[in-house]
C-alpha atoms as a PDB file:
ATOM      1  CA  MET A   1     -33.114 -17.710   7.167  1.00  0.00           C
ATOM      2  CA  SER A   2     -34.525 -16.702   3.809  1.00  0.00           C
ATOM      3  CA  THR A   3     -32.623 -16.702   0.551  1.00  0.00           C
ATOM      4  CA  ILE A   4     -32.305 -12.934   0.530  1.00  0.00           C
ATOM      5  CA  GLU A   5     -30.935 -12.923   4.083  1.00  0.00           C
ATOM      6  CA  ARG A   6     -28.330 -15.534   3.101  1.00  0.00           C
ATOM      7  CA  ASP A   7     -27.390 -13.454   0.067  1.00  0.00           C
ATOM      8  CA  ILE A   8     -27.006 -10.366   2.249  1.00  0.00           C
ATOM      9  CA  GLU A   9     -24.785 -12.238   4.711  1.00  0.00           C
ATOM     10  CA  GLN A  10     -22.677 -13.667   1.894  1.00  0.00           C
ATOM     11  CA  THR A  11     -22.295 -10.202   0.358  1.00  0.00           C
ATOM     12  CA  ARG A  12     -21.201  -8.793   3.720  1.00  0.00           C
ATOM     13  CA  GLU A  13     -18.568 -11.519   4.039  1.00  0.00           C
ATOM     14  CA  HIS A  14     -17.247 -10.811   0.546  1.00  0.00           C
ATOM     15  CA  LEU A  15     -17.141  -7.076   1.231  1.00  0.00           C
ATOM     16  CA  GLY A  16     -15.246  -7.693   4.461  1.00  0.00           C
ATOM     17  CA  GLN A  17     -12.684  -9.808   2.614  1.00  0.00           C
ATOM     18  CA  THR A  18     -12.350  -7.137  -0.070  1.00  0.00           C
ATOM     19  CA  VAL A  19     -11.781  -4.399   2.502  1.00  0.00           C
ATOM     20  CA  ASP A  20      -9.140  -6.523   4.243  1.00  0.00           C
ATOM     21  CA  ALA A  21      -7.345  -7.170   0.944  1.00  0.00           C
ATOM     22  CA  LEU A  22      -7.392  -3.474   0.019  1.00  0.00           C
ATOM     23  CA  ALA A  23      -6.048  -2.503   3.437  1.00  0.00           C
ATOM     24  CA  ALA A  24      -3.185  -4.979   3.054  1.00  0.00           C
ATOM     25  CA  LYS A  25      -2.323  -3.568  -0.379  1.00  0.00           C
ATOM     26  CA  ALA A  26      -2.396  -0.014   0.976  1.00  0.00           C
ATOM     27  CA  GLU A  27      -0.005  -0.987   3.769  1.00  0.00           C
ATOM     28  CA  THR A  28       2.371  -2.567   1.255  1.00  0.00           C
ATOM     29  CA  GLY A  29       2.155   0.568  -0.882  1.00  0.00           C
ATOM     30  CA  LYS A  30       3.116   2.763   2.078  1.00  0.00           C
ATOM     31  CA  HIS A  31       6.177   0.608   2.737  1.00  0.00           C
ATOM     32  CA  ARG A  32       7.273   0.772  -0.902  1.00  0.00           C
ATOM     33  CA  ALA A  33       6.714   4.531  -1.058  1.00  0.00           C
ATOM     34  CA  GLY A  34       8.910   4.969   2.008  1.00  0.00           C
ATOM     35  CA  ILE A  35      11.704   2.937   0.436  1.00  0.00           C
ATOM     36  CA  VAL A  36      11.453   4.876  -2.835  1.00  0.00           C
ATOM     37  CA  ALA A  37      11.604   8.181  -0.951  1.00  0.00           C
ATOM     38  CA  LEU A  38      14.655   7.039   1.002  1.00  0.00           C
ATOM     39  CA  VAL A  39      16.455   5.927  -2.160  1.00  0.00           C
ATOM     40  CA  GLY A  40      15.571   9.247  -3.807  1.00  0.00           C
ATOM     41  CA  VAL A  41      17.008  11.255  -0.923  1.00  0.00           C
ATOM     42  CA  ALA A  42      20.171   9.139  -0.974  1.00  0.00           C
ATOM     43  CA  ALA A  43      20.536   9.685  -4.735  1.00  0.00           C
ATOM     44  CA  VAL A  44      20.172  13.464  -4.396  1.00  0.00           C
ATOM     45  CA  ALA A  45      22.679  13.538  -1.532  1.00  0.00           C
ATOM     46  CA  ALA A  46      25.152  11.456  -3.564  1.00  0.00           C
ATOM     47  CA  PHE A  47      24.739  13.777  -6.558  1.00  0.00           C
ATOM     48  CA  VAL A  48      25.293  16.888  -4.435  1.00  0.00           C
ATOM     49  CA  LEU A  49      28.404  15.393  -2.841  1.00  0.00           C
ATOM     50  CA  TRP A  50      29.724  14.282  -6.224  1.00  0.00           C
ATOM     51  CA  ARG A  51      29.239  17.781  -7.694  1.00  0.00           C
ATOM     52  CA  ARG A  52      30.795  19.451  -4.675  1.00  0.00           C
ATOM     53  CA  PHE A  53      33.850  17.234  -4.266  1.00  0.00           C
ATOM     54  CA  GLY A  54      34.118  15.689  -7.729  1.00  0.00           C
END
């Protein structure tokens, strides 16, 4: 295998690792966004109930 072929293979490996890391971060971001949305809905509901019955 020539030097350029080794470099290409190494670059492919690094790109694969980068894509995997980005996918993991995106999945974590989705989870956090879901939690933030849920907390936001709960806060709005609490505010509405407080204004109505408070």
